[in-house]
Amino acid sequence: QVQLVQSGGGTVQTGDSLRLACVLSGGTLNRRNIGWFRQGPGKEREFVAIIRWMDDTSIYSDSVKGRFTIARDNAETSFHLQMTSLKPADTAEYYCVASAQHYSDSFLSPTDWRNWGLGSQVTVSS
């Protein structure tokens, strides 16, 4: 059974950096899109970043572009989200996600993703 285990998160101040990690167990990340979503207080869950397996490109939401970086640590099992220049608006529960294998369609909706981590709280104080 495929599971995503997250680590990282915490409370930081505006302008600080933080790294979230995600490890897949019970399978492989090969031929899967990998990514991150977040859900702020009172908000809907929103797309943050993706690495598409077909062409290895990274795509970011406008709100984090230039500040966040998604990257693989290990082609088989792990990846992370490096967050810099954090703002209070980045305060949210962050979720790592992985698609079904060979999936290459849409990715902006939570329903496009099969596997989810349990979440990591990131709080940015002003």
C-alpha atoms as a PDB file:
ATOM      1  CA  GLN A   1       0.000   0.000   0.000  1.00  0.00           C
ATOM      2  CA  VAL A   2       1.433   3.359  -1.051  1.00  0.00           C
ATOM      3  CA  GLN A   3       1.807   5.886   1.734  1.00  0.00           C
ATOM      4  CA  LEU A   4       3.303   9.365   1.868  1.00  0.00           C
ATOM      5  CA  VAL A   5       5.007  10.375   5.090  1.00  0.00           C
ATOM      6  CA  GLN A   6       5.703  14.047   5.652  1.00  0.00           C
ATOM      7  CA  SER A   7       8.148  15.825   7.930  1.00  0.00           C
ATOM      8  CA  GLY A   8       9.042  19.419   8.574  1.00  0.00           C
ATOM      9  CA  GLY A   9       6.844  22.405   9.221  1.00  0.00           C
ATOM     10  CA  GLY A  10       6.588  24.635  12.241  1.00  0.00           C
ATOM     11  CA  THR A  11       6.315  28.272  13.208  1.00  0.00           C
ATOM     12  CA  VAL A  12       8.621  30.839  11.657  1.00  0.00           C
ATOM     13  CA  GLN A  13       8.770  34.584  11.188  1.00  0.00           C
ATOM     14  CA  THR A  14       8.182  36.596   8.039  1.00  0.00           C
ATOM     15  CA  GLY A  15      11.129  36.262   5.678  1.00  0.00           C
ATOM     16  CA  ASP A  16      12.327  32.960   7.115  1.00  0.00           C
ATOM     17  CA  SER A  17      12.831  29.718   5.223  1.00  0.00           C
ATOM     18  CA  LEU A  18      11.478  26.241   5.856  1.00  0.00           C
ATOM     19  CA  ARG A  19      11.741  22.852   4.220  1.00  0.00           C
ATOM     20  CA  LEU A  20       9.068  20.191   4.002  1.00  0.00           C
ATOM     21  CA  ALA A  21       9.988  16.627   3.148  1.00  0.00           C
ATOM     22  CA  CYS A  22       7.941  13.736   1.826  1.00  0.00           C
ATOM     23  CA  VAL A  23       8.838  10.056   1.611  1.00  0.00           C
ATOM     24  CA  LEU A  24       6.850   7.426  -0.243  1.00  0.00           C
ATOM     25  CA  SER A  25       6.649   3.911   1.134  1.00  0.00           C
ATOM     26  CA  GLY A  26       5.133   0.814  -0.398  1.00  0.00           C
ATOM     27  CA  GLY A  27       5.929   1.825  -3.948  1.00  0.00           C
ATOM     28  CA  THR A  28       8.018   4.052  -6.192  1.00  0.00           C
ATOM     29  CA  LEU A  29       7.781   7.630  -7.428  1.00  0.00           C
ATOM     30  CA  ASN A  30       8.792   6.551 -10.930  1.00  0.00           C
ATOM     31  CA  ARG A  31       6.303   7.703 -13.555  1.00  0.00           C
ATOM     32  CA  ARG A  32       4.263   9.667 -11.025  1.00  0.00           C
ATOM     33  CA  ASN A  33       3.628  13.350 -10.841  1.00  0.00           C
ATOM     34  CA  ILE A  34       4.674  14.652  -7.425  1.00  0.00           C
ATOM     35  CA  GLY A  35       3.556  17.860  -5.814  1.00  0.00           C
ATOM     36  CA  TRP A  36       2.326  19.950  -2.937  1.00  0.00           C
ATOM     37  CA  PHE A  37      -1.010  21.453  -1.959  1.00  0.00           C
ATOM     38  CA  ARG A  38      -1.925  23.688   0.953  1.00  0.00           C
ATOM     39  CA  GLN A  39      -5.015  24.719   2.844  1.00  0.00           C
ATOM     40  CA  GLY A  40      -5.099  27.944   4.797  1.00  0.00           C
ATOM     41  CA  PRO A  41      -7.541  28.771   7.596  1.00  0.00           C
ATOM     42  CA  GLY A  42     -11.029  29.047   6.165  1.00  0.00           C
ATOM     43  CA  LYS A  43      -9.785  28.477   2.631  1.00  0.00           C
ATOM     44  CA  GLU A  44     -10.091  25.744   0.057  1.00  0.00           C
ATOM     45  CA  ARG A  45      -7.205  23.417  -0.612  1.00  0.00           C
ATOM     46  CA  GLU A  46      -5.020  24.899  -3.356  1.00  0.00           C
ATOM     47  CA  PHE A  47      -2.281  23.753  -5.685  1.00  0.00           C
ATOM     48  CA  VAL A  48       1.263  24.864  -4.824  1.00  0.00           C
ATOM     49  CA  ALA A  49       3.770  23.012  -7.003  1.00  0.00           C
ATOM     50  CA  ILE A  50       4.330  19.969  -9.202  1.00  0.00           C
ATOM     51  CA  ILE A  51       7.104  18.057 -10.939  1.00  0.00           C
ATOM     52  CA  ARG A  52       5.613  16.307 -13.946  1.00  0.00           C
ATOM     53  CA  TRP A  53       7.092  12.877 -14.561  1.00  0.00           C
ATOM     54  CA  MET A  54       6.731  12.988 -18.381  1.00  0.00           C
ATOM     55  CA  ASP A  55       9.058  15.917 -18.982  1.00  0.00           C
ATOM     56  CA  ASP A  56      10.491  16.556 -15.494  1.00  0.00           C
ATOM     57  CA  THR A  57       9.241  20.163 -15.523  1.00  0.00           C
ATOM     58  CA  SER A  58       8.267  22.075 -12.400  1.00  0.00           C
ATOM     59  CA  ILE A  59       5.214  24.301 -12.253  1.00  0.00           C
ATOM     60  CA  TYR A  60       4.256  26.658  -9.426  1.00  0.00           C
ATOM     61  CA  SER A  61       1.246  28.650  -8.413  1.00  0.00           C
ATOM     62  CA  ASP A  62       1.642  32.382  -8.938  1.00  0.00           C
ATOM     63  CA  SER A  63       1.524  32.977  -5.198  1.00  0.00           C
ATOM     64  CA  VAL A  64       4.721  30.988  -4.534  1.00  0.00           C
ATOM     65  CA  LYS A  65       6.641  31.298  -7.812  1.00  0.00           C
ATOM     66  CA  GLY A  66      10.170  32.510  -7.225  1.00  0.00           C
ATOM     67  CA  ARG A  67      10.037  31.712  -3.507  1.00  0.00           C
ATOM     68  CA  PHE A  68       9.308  27.980  -3.320  1.00  0.00           C
ATOM     69  CA  THR A  69      11.212  25.140  -4.969  1.00  0.00           C
ATOM     70  CA  ILE A  70      10.065  21.562  -5.391  1.00  0.00           C
ATOM     71  CA  ALA A  71      12.778  18.983  -5.956  1.00  0.00           C
ATOM     72  CA  ARG A  72      13.470  15.276  -5.815  1.00  0.00           C
ATOM     73  CA  ASP A  73      15.908  13.980  -3.250  1.00  0.00           C
ATOM     74  CA  ASN A  74      15.732  10.448  -4.532  1.00  0.00           C
ATOM     75  CA  ALA A  75      14.216   9.368  -7.835  1.00  0.00           C
ATOM     76  CA  GLU A  76      12.445   6.462  -6.186  1.00  0.00           C
ATOM     77  CA  THR A  77      11.046   7.631  -2.892  1.00  0.00           C
ATOM     78  CA  SER A  78      11.536  11.181  -1.672  1.00  0.00           C
ATOM     79  CA  PHE A  79      11.106  14.840  -2.522  1.00  0.00           C
ATOM     80  CA  HIS A  80      10.831  18.151  -0.726  1.00  0.00           C
ATOM     81  CA  LEU A  81       9.486  21.681  -0.860  1.00  0.00           C
ATOM     82  CA  GLN A  82      11.978  24.419  -0.018  1.00  0.00           C
ATOM     83  CA  MET A  83      10.175  27.584   1.035  1.00  0.00           C
ATOM     84  CA  THR A  84      11.925  30.945   1.281  1.00  0.00           C
ATOM     85  CA  SER A  85      10.826  34.516   1.961  1.00  0.00           C
ATOM     86  CA  LEU A  86       7.827  33.207   3.837  1.00  0.00           C
ATOM     87  CA  LYS A  87       4.847  35.478   4.403  1.00  0.00           C
ATOM     88  CA  PRO A  88       1.898  35.284   6.796  1.00  0.00           C
ATOM     89  CA  ALA A  89      -0.249  34.473   3.734  1.00  0.00           C
ATOM     90  CA  ASP A  90       1.713  31.203   3.429  1.00  0.00           C
ATOM     91  CA  THR A  91       0.291  30.006   6.740  1.00  0.00           C
ATOM     92  CA  ALA A  92      -1.466  26.729   5.965  1.00  0.00           C
ATOM     93  CA  GLU A  93      -1.516  22.987   6.319  1.00  0.00           C
ATOM     94  CA  TYR A  94       0.744  21.636   3.572  1.00  0.00           C
ATOM     95  CA  TYR A  95       0.204  18.266   1.908  1.00  0.00           C
ATOM     96  CA  CYS A  96       2.541  16.297  -0.324  1.00  0.00           C
ATOM     97  CA  VAL A  97       0.854  14.411  -3.124  1.00  0.00           C
ATOM     98  CA  ALA A  98       1.638  11.796  -5.735  1.00  0.00           C
ATOM     99  CA  SER A  99      -0.422  10.806  -8.726  1.00  0.00           C
ATOM    100  CA  ALA A 100      -1.227   7.348  -9.955  1.00  0.00           C
ATOM    101  CA  GLN A 101       1.562   5.887 -12.065  1.00  0.00           C
ATOM    102  CA  HIS A 102       1.534   6.935 -15.742  1.00  0.00           C
ATOM    103  CA  TYR A 103      -0.984   9.686 -15.000  1.00  0.00           C
ATOM    104  CA  SER A 104      -0.257  12.756 -17.130  1.00  0.00           C
ATOM    105  CA  ASP A 105      -3.469  14.760 -17.232  1.00  0.00           C
ATOM    106  CA  SER A 106      -4.629  17.735 -15.181  1.00  0.00           C
ATOM    107  CA  PHE A 107      -3.058  18.490 -11.827  1.00  0.00           C
ATOM    108  CA  LEU A 108      -4.578  21.686 -10.391  1.00  0.00           C
ATOM    109  CA  SER A 109      -7.459  20.043  -8.583  1.00  0.00           C
ATOM    110  CA  PRO A 110      -7.128  17.920  -5.421  1.00  0.00           C
ATOM    111  CA  THR A 111      -9.168  15.262  -7.206  1.00  0.00           C
ATOM    112  CA  ASP A 112      -6.358  14.817  -9.749  1.00  0.00           C
ATOM    113  CA  TRP A 113      -4.164  13.249  -7.076  1.00  0.00           C
ATOM    114  CA  ARG A 114      -4.400   9.730  -5.700  1.00  0.00           C
ATOM    115  CA  ASN A 115      -1.978   9.718  -2.785  1.00  0.00           C
ATOM    116  CA  TRP A 116      -1.782  12.261   0.029  1.00  0.00           C
ATOM    117  CA  GLY A 117       0.409  12.864   3.024  1.00  0.00           C
ATOM    118  CA  LEU A 118      -1.260  13.644   6.337  1.00  0.00           C
ATOM    119  CA  GLY A 119      -0.228  17.289   6.343  1.00  0.00           C
ATOM    120  CA  SER A 120       2.322  19.579   7.976  1.00  0.00           C
ATOM    121  CA  GLN A 121       1.380  22.834   9.624  1.00  0.00           C
ATOM    122  CA  VAL A 122       3.332  25.912   8.586  1.00  0.00           C
ATOM    123  CA  THR A 123       2.672  29.106  10.518  1.00  0.00           C
ATOM    124  CA  VAL A 124       4.323  32.379   9.529  1.00  0.00           C
ATOM    125  CA  SER A 125       4.110  35.177  12.066  1.00  0.00           C
ATOM    126  CA  SER A 126       4.420  38.839  11.167  1.00  0.00           C
END
